Amino acid sequence: MLTLLMMLSVVPAHAHGAPTDPPSRAFLCSPGQPTASSPPCRAAIAAGLPSKEWDNIRLPDVRGLDQQKVPDGRLCSAGLAKYTGLDAPSAQWPVTKLKDTGFTYRATIPHQGSFRFYVTRAGYQPAKPLTWADLDQFLNVPSPPLVNGAYEFQVRLPKSLTGRHLIYTVWQNTDTPDTYYSCTDVEIAAPAKPVQTQAQQQAAAAPPVQPPPAAKATPPSSATSSSSAPSSAKQSTPRPVPVASSAEQPPSDATRIGLSAVVAALGGLAVLGGFMLWRKRIL
């Protein structure tokens, strides 16, 4: 009996779980999947991939030290030799186009634990080995409920990411010492543009409305401009009138006539006085 128990203790544990929507590489290479005949899956199977154990990529006693336990370039296989074909850098891995934000992780044997989701950063190149530096964590879900044999999640990927990317899922058990790892190739669609109504489309297609030409100002006539310009100039900037001194002013006509009359009267008096004096002497 003791020998039997020892033999049973070394029998590998059954598979436990992996992403199925969007599906992981291991699930896409499993029997019955049309993608199992893709070149990357055939190469992984030829390298020793146990296709019937697509949900058993696990390591014991990791205890959250994923980056220390799983080396760069071996993330999809978790460093396990029989799954190393899943690490092959290639742009030919089957890709799932994301249609919504619902993710499903199938649990063949349920366990308690938490899920951590990572996604590759902008500029990801599937033809290069995957490293931890290529990933950003975008979701952490502790102890989700089991629904119809699966764990379901509503995720929100970074809005800046579009095109080809890889989602890396880590399931750390709390009722066992095991941690599970999975790689999922996805195509992230660009945000949809708002749909325009027919009226908006017609308005966008219509030629732009040109504003009416501005009215030209009527130039003033030459007579008006010539007569008004000096007047405005005189009113705006009056010039001082020079005042001449009395010595410099010539006598007026009235002054000259008065002086002549005075001179004539004096001359007449002188003549009359002389005549009277002459007559007196004679007499």
Protein backbone atom coordinates (compact mmCIF):
# COMPACT_ATOMS: atom_id res chain seq x y z
CA MET A 1 0.00 0.00 0.00
CA LEU A 2 2.84 2.38 0.84
CA THR A 3 4.48 1.64 -2.50
CA LEU A 4 1.18 2.33 -4.30
CA LEU A 5 0.79 5.66 -2.55
CA MET A 6 4.33 6.62 -3.47
CA MET A 7 3.65 5.76 -7.11
CA LEU A 8 0.47 7.82 -7.13
CA SER A 9 2.26 10.77 -5.61
CA VAL A 10 4.60 11.07 -8.59
CA VAL A 11 1.82 10.86 -11.21
CA PRO A 12 1.47 14.28 -12.89
CA ALA A 13 -1.56 16.27 -11.83
CA HIS A 14 -4.38 16.73 -14.33
CA ALA A 15 -4.70 19.95 -16.34
CA HIS A 16 -6.41 22.84 -14.64
CA GLY A 17 -7.14 25.83 -16.90
CA ALA A 18 -6.26 28.27 -19.68
CA PRO A 19 -7.84 31.13 -21.68
CA THR A 20 -10.35 30.05 -24.31
CA ASP A 21 -11.87 33.42 -25.35
CA PRO A 22 -9.74 34.87 -26.72
CA PRO A 23 -7.91 31.52 -26.92
CA SER A 24 -4.32 30.94 -25.87
CA ARG A 25 -1.65 29.52 -28.19
CA ALA A 26 -1.77 26.19 -26.38
CA PHE A 27 -5.57 25.95 -26.82
CA LEU A 28 -5.34 26.83 -30.54
CA CYS A 29 -2.80 24.00 -30.99
CA SER A 30 -4.95 21.44 -29.17
CA PRO A 31 -6.70 18.53 -30.99
CA GLY A 32 -9.91 19.46 -32.78
CA GLN A 33 -8.99 23.09 -33.35
CA PRO A 34 -8.67 24.08 -37.04
CA THR A 35 -5.71 26.29 -36.12
CA ALA A 36 -3.75 23.24 -34.92
CA SER A 37 -2.56 22.77 -38.51
CA SER A 38 -1.01 26.25 -38.68
CA PRO A 39 2.78 26.32 -39.19
CA PRO A 40 3.56 27.56 -35.64
CA CYS A 41 1.36 24.86 -34.04
CA ARG A 42 2.85 22.10 -36.19
CA ALA A 43 6.35 23.28 -35.25
CA ALA A 44 5.41 23.41 -31.54
CA ILE A 45 3.94 19.88 -31.66
CA ALA A 46 7.04 18.62 -33.46
CA ALA A 47 9.14 20.18 -30.67
CA GLY A 48 7.26 18.09 -28.07
CA LEU A 49 4.15 20.11 -27.23
CA PRO A 50 1.68 17.86 -25.32
CA SER A 51 -1.33 19.08 -27.25
CA LYS A 52 -3.82 17.31 -24.94
CA GLU A 53 -2.45 19.22 -21.96
CA TRP A 54 -3.07 22.68 -23.36
CA ASP A 55 -4.23 23.89 -19.90
CA ASN A 56 -1.32 22.62 -17.80
CA ILE A 57 1.43 25.24 -18.23
CA ARG A 58 2.18 25.65 -14.53
CA LEU A 59 5.05 26.14 -12.10
CA PRO A 60 5.03 25.33 -8.36
CA ASP A 61 6.12 27.65 -5.56
CA VAL A 62 6.39 30.82 -7.63
CA ARG A 63 4.60 32.86 -4.92
CA GLY A 64 4.30 35.96 -7.08
CA LEU A 65 7.96 36.04 -8.15
CA ASP A 66 7.05 35.54 -11.79
CA GLN A 67 9.86 37.58 -13.33
CA GLN A 68 12.46 35.74 -11.23
CA LYS A 69 11.05 32.28 -12.05
CA VAL A 70 10.10 32.74 -15.74
CA PRO A 71 13.02 33.90 -17.93
CA ASP A 72 12.79 36.35 -20.84
CA GLY A 73 12.09 34.64 -24.15
CA ARG A 74 10.37 31.73 -22.31
CA LEU A 75 7.23 33.43 -21.06
CA CYS A 76 4.73 31.42 -23.12
CA SER A 77 6.19 28.08 -21.99
CA ALA A 78 6.91 29.27 -18.42
CA GLY A 79 10.37 27.83 -18.99
CA LEU A 80 9.03 24.27 -19.34
CA ALA A 81 10.92 22.31 -22.00
CA LYS A 82 7.90 20.45 -23.41
CA TYR A 83 6.07 23.74 -24.07
CA THR A 84 9.06 25.57 -25.52
CA GLY A 85 7.52 25.50 -29.02
CA LEU A 86 4.98 28.12 -27.79
CA ASP A 87 7.83 30.61 -27.37
CA ALA A 88 8.79 30.62 -31.06
CA PRO A 89 8.87 34.24 -32.31
CA SER A 90 6.61 34.43 -35.35
CA ALA A 91 4.02 36.68 -36.96
CA GLN A 92 2.20 33.53 -38.15
CA TRP A 93 0.63 32.61 -34.82
CA PRO A 94 -3.17 32.53 -35.22
CA VAL A 95 -4.66 35.86 -34.14
CA THR A 96 -8.06 36.52 -32.57
CA LYS A 97 -9.75 39.81 -33.41
CA LEU A 98 -11.17 41.29 -30.25
CA LYS A 99 -14.89 42.00 -30.66
CA ASP A 100 -15.77 42.97 -27.09
CA THR A 101 -14.32 43.28 -23.61
CA GLY A 102 -15.42 39.86 -22.33
CA PHE A 103 -12.66 37.33 -21.56
CA THR A 104 -13.16 33.67 -20.58
CA TYR A 105 -10.69 31.45 -18.74
CA ARG A 106 -11.80 27.82 -18.76
CA ALA A 107 -11.18 25.87 -15.54
CA THR A 108 -10.95 22.12 -16.07
CA ILE A 109 -10.25 21.80 -12.34
CA PRO A 110 -11.37 24.88 -10.38
CA HIS A 111 -9.03 26.55 -7.93
CA GLN A 112 -9.09 29.64 -5.78
CA GLY A 113 -6.68 32.36 -6.74
CA SER A 114 -6.08 35.67 -8.46
CA PHE A 115 -5.59 36.61 -12.11
CA ARG A 116 -3.12 39.12 -13.51
CA PHE A 117 -3.42 40.31 -17.10
CA TYR A 118 -0.61 41.90 -19.11
CA VAL A 119 -0.52 43.31 -22.65
CA THR A 120 2.38 44.15 -24.92
CA ARG A 121 3.34 47.79 -25.27
CA ALA A 122 3.12 49.95 -28.38
CA GLY A 123 5.63 48.84 -31.00
CA TYR A 124 5.31 45.13 -30.18
CA GLN A 125 6.91 42.87 -32.79
CA PRO A 126 5.70 39.23 -32.74
CA ALA A 127 8.77 38.10 -34.70
CA LYS A 128 11.00 38.92 -31.70
CA PRO A 129 11.30 36.93 -28.42
CA LEU A 130 8.82 38.06 -25.76
CA THR A 131 10.32 39.64 -22.64
CA TRP A 132 8.94 41.04 -19.42
CA ALA A 133 9.99 44.50 -20.54
CA ASP A 134 7.50 44.19 -23.44
CA LEU A 135 4.54 43.90 -21.04
CA ASP A 136 2.36 46.25 -18.99
CA GLN A 137 -0.11 44.94 -16.41
CA PHE A 138 -3.61 46.31 -17.04
CA LEU A 139 -5.86 44.18 -14.80
CA ASN A 140 -5.74 42.30 -11.49
CA VAL A 141 -8.74 40.21 -10.35
CA PRO A 142 -8.58 38.50 -6.94
CA SER A 143 -10.71 35.37 -6.37
CA PRO A 144 -13.31 35.69 -9.18
CA PRO A 145 -16.37 33.41 -9.05
CA LEU A 146 -16.61 30.31 -11.23
CA VAL A 147 -19.48 30.57 -13.76
CA ASN A 148 -20.43 27.50 -15.83
CA GLY A 149 -16.99 25.97 -15.45
CA ALA A 150 -15.12 29.16 -16.37
CA TYR A 151 -13.91 32.45 -14.97
CA GLU A 152 -15.27 35.45 -16.81
CA PHE A 153 -13.83 38.95 -16.91
CA GLN A 154 -14.69 42.35 -18.29
CA VAL A 155 -11.41 43.95 -19.31
CA ARG A 156 -10.44 47.41 -20.45
CA LEU A 157 -7.35 47.57 -22.60
CA PRO A 158 -5.38 50.80 -22.95
CA LYS A 159 -7.08 53.00 -25.55
CA SER A 160 -3.77 53.87 -27.18
CA LEU A 161 -3.16 50.28 -28.34
CA THR A 162 -4.28 49.08 -31.76
CA GLY A 163 -3.20 46.35 -34.15
CA ARG A 164 -1.27 43.18 -33.34
CA HIS A 165 -0.56 42.49 -29.64
CA LEU A 166 -0.16 39.68 -27.11
CA ILE A 167 -2.05 39.24 -23.84
CA TYR A 168 -0.19 37.41 -21.10
CA THR A 169 -2.30 35.78 -18.35
CA VAL A 170 -1.01 34.66 -14.95
CA TRP A 171 -3.26 32.61 -12.63
CA GLN A 172 -1.79 32.32 -9.16
CA ASN A 173 -3.58 29.70 -7.02
CA THR A 174 -4.13 30.20 -3.32
CA ASP A 175 -5.36 26.66 -2.53
CA THR A 176 -2.38 25.06 -4.33
CA PRO A 177 1.24 26.24 -4.71
CA ASP A 178 0.88 26.42 -8.50
CA THR A 179 0.85 29.35 -10.94
CA TYR A 180 -0.36 29.04 -14.56
CA TYR A 181 0.83 31.01 -17.60
CA SER A 182 -0.69 31.62 -21.04
CA CYS A 183 0.01 33.62 -24.23
CA THR A 184 -2.83 34.89 -26.41
CA ASP A 185 -2.33 36.64 -29.77
CA VAL A 186 -4.94 39.32 -30.49
CA GLU A 187 -5.78 42.03 -32.98
CA ILE A 188 -7.04 45.22 -31.32
CA ALA A 189 -9.30 47.29 -33.53
CA ALA A 190 -8.98 51.04 -33.72
CA PRO A 191 -11.74 53.04 -31.98
CA ALA A 192 -14.81 53.33 -34.18
CA LYS A 193 -15.49 56.73 -35.71
CA PRO A 194 -18.87 58.31 -34.91
CA VAL A 195 -21.49 57.60 -37.57
CA GLN A 196 -22.65 60.71 -39.39
CA THR A 197 -26.29 61.29 -40.23
CA GLN A 198 -27.34 61.91 -43.82
CA ALA A 199 -27.72 65.63 -43.12
CA GLN A 200 -24.19 65.76 -41.65
CA GLN A 201 -22.79 63.92 -44.66
CA GLN A 202 -24.50 66.32 -47.06
CA ALA A 203 -23.25 69.31 -45.08
CA ALA A 204 -19.71 67.92 -45.17
CA ALA A 205 -19.91 67.28 -48.93
CA ALA A 206 -21.40 70.69 -49.80
CA PRO A 207 -18.98 73.37 -51.03
CA PRO A 208 -18.20 76.04 -48.48
CA VAL A 209 -20.38 79.15 -48.61
CA GLN A 210 -18.39 82.16 -49.76
CA PRO A 211 -19.08 85.42 -47.88
CA PRO A 212 -20.50 88.34 -49.97
CA PRO A 213 -17.88 90.78 -51.29
CA ALA A 214 -17.32 93.78 -49.11
CA ALA A 215 -18.71 97.13 -50.45
CA LYS A 216 -16.01 99.48 -51.75
CA ALA A 217 -15.83 102.93 -50.18
CA THR A 218 -16.64 105.80 -52.62
CA PRO A 219 -13.65 108.17 -52.92
CA PRO A 220 -14.47 111.88 -52.33
CA SER A 221 -14.66 114.23 -55.36
CA SER A 222 -11.72 116.49 -56.17
CA ALA A 223 -13.73 119.63 -55.44
CA THR A 224 -14.81 118.35 -52.08
CA SER A 225 -11.41 117.13 -51.15
CA SER A 226 -9.70 120.34 -52.28
CA SER A 227 -12.16 122.57 -50.46
CA SER A 228 -12.41 120.54 -47.31
CA ALA A 229 -8.76 119.75 -46.84
CA PRO A 230 -7.57 123.33 -46.28
CA SER A 231 -10.56 124.13 -44.09
CA SER A 232 -9.89 121.17 -41.86
CA ALA A 233 -6.22 122.04 -41.80
CA LYS A 234 -6.94 125.64 -40.72
CA GLN A 235 -9.35 124.54 -38.03
CA SER A 236 -7.11 121.88 -36.69
CA THR A 237 -3.82 123.81 -36.63
CA PRO A 238 -4.36 127.64 -36.47
CA ARG A 239 -1.26 129.62 -37.34
CA PRO A 240 -0.27 132.76 -35.37
CA VAL A 241 -0.72 136.08 -37.24
CA PRO A 242 2.45 138.23 -37.14
CA VAL A 243 1.94 141.77 -35.72
CA ALA A 244 4.10 144.61 -37.20
CA SER A 245 5.49 147.41 -34.97
CA SER A 246 4.26 151.04 -35.29
CA ALA A 247 7.59 152.18 -36.72
CA GLU A 248 7.36 149.78 -39.54
CA GLN A 249 3.68 150.53 -40.45
CA PRO A 250 3.24 153.09 -43.32
CA PRO A 251 0.71 156.01 -42.68
CA SER A 252 -2.77 155.47 -43.89
CA ASP A 253 -4.53 157.60 -46.56
CA ALA A 254 -6.55 159.57 -43.97
CA THR A 255 -3.40 160.42 -42.08
CA ARG A 256 -1.68 161.68 -45.19
CA ILE A 257 -4.67 163.91 -46.15
CA GLY A 258 -4.85 165.39 -42.64
CA LEU A 259 -1.16 166.21 -42.64
CA SER A 260 -1.43 167.88 -46.07
CA ALA A 261 -4.35 170.05 -44.85
CA VAL A 262 -2.38 171.11 -41.80
CA VAL A 263 0.64 172.00 -43.93
CA ALA A 264 -1.57 173.97 -46.39
CA ALA A 265 -3.27 175.89 -43.55
CA LEU A 266 0.06 176.77 -41.98
CA GLY A 267 1.32 177.90 -45.40
CA GLY A 268 -1.82 180.07 -45.91
CA LEU A 269 -1.41 181.67 -42.47
CA ALA A 270 2.24 182.42 -43.19
CA VAL A 271 1.33 184.08 -46.51
CA LEU A 272 -1.51 186.05 -44.90
CA GLY A 273 0.74 187.18 -42.05
CA GLY A 274 3.39 188.36 -44.48
CA PHE A 275 0.84 190.26 -46.55
CA MET A 276 -0.55 192.04 -43.51
CA LEU A 277 2.90 192.94 -42.30
CA TRP A 278 3.83 194.39 -45.74
CA ARG A 279 0.62 196.44 -45.92
CA LYS A 280 1.21 197.89 -42.47
CA ARG A 281 4.66 199.08 -43.43
CA ILE A 282 3.33 200.77 -46.53
CA LEU A 283 0.66 202.60 -44.66
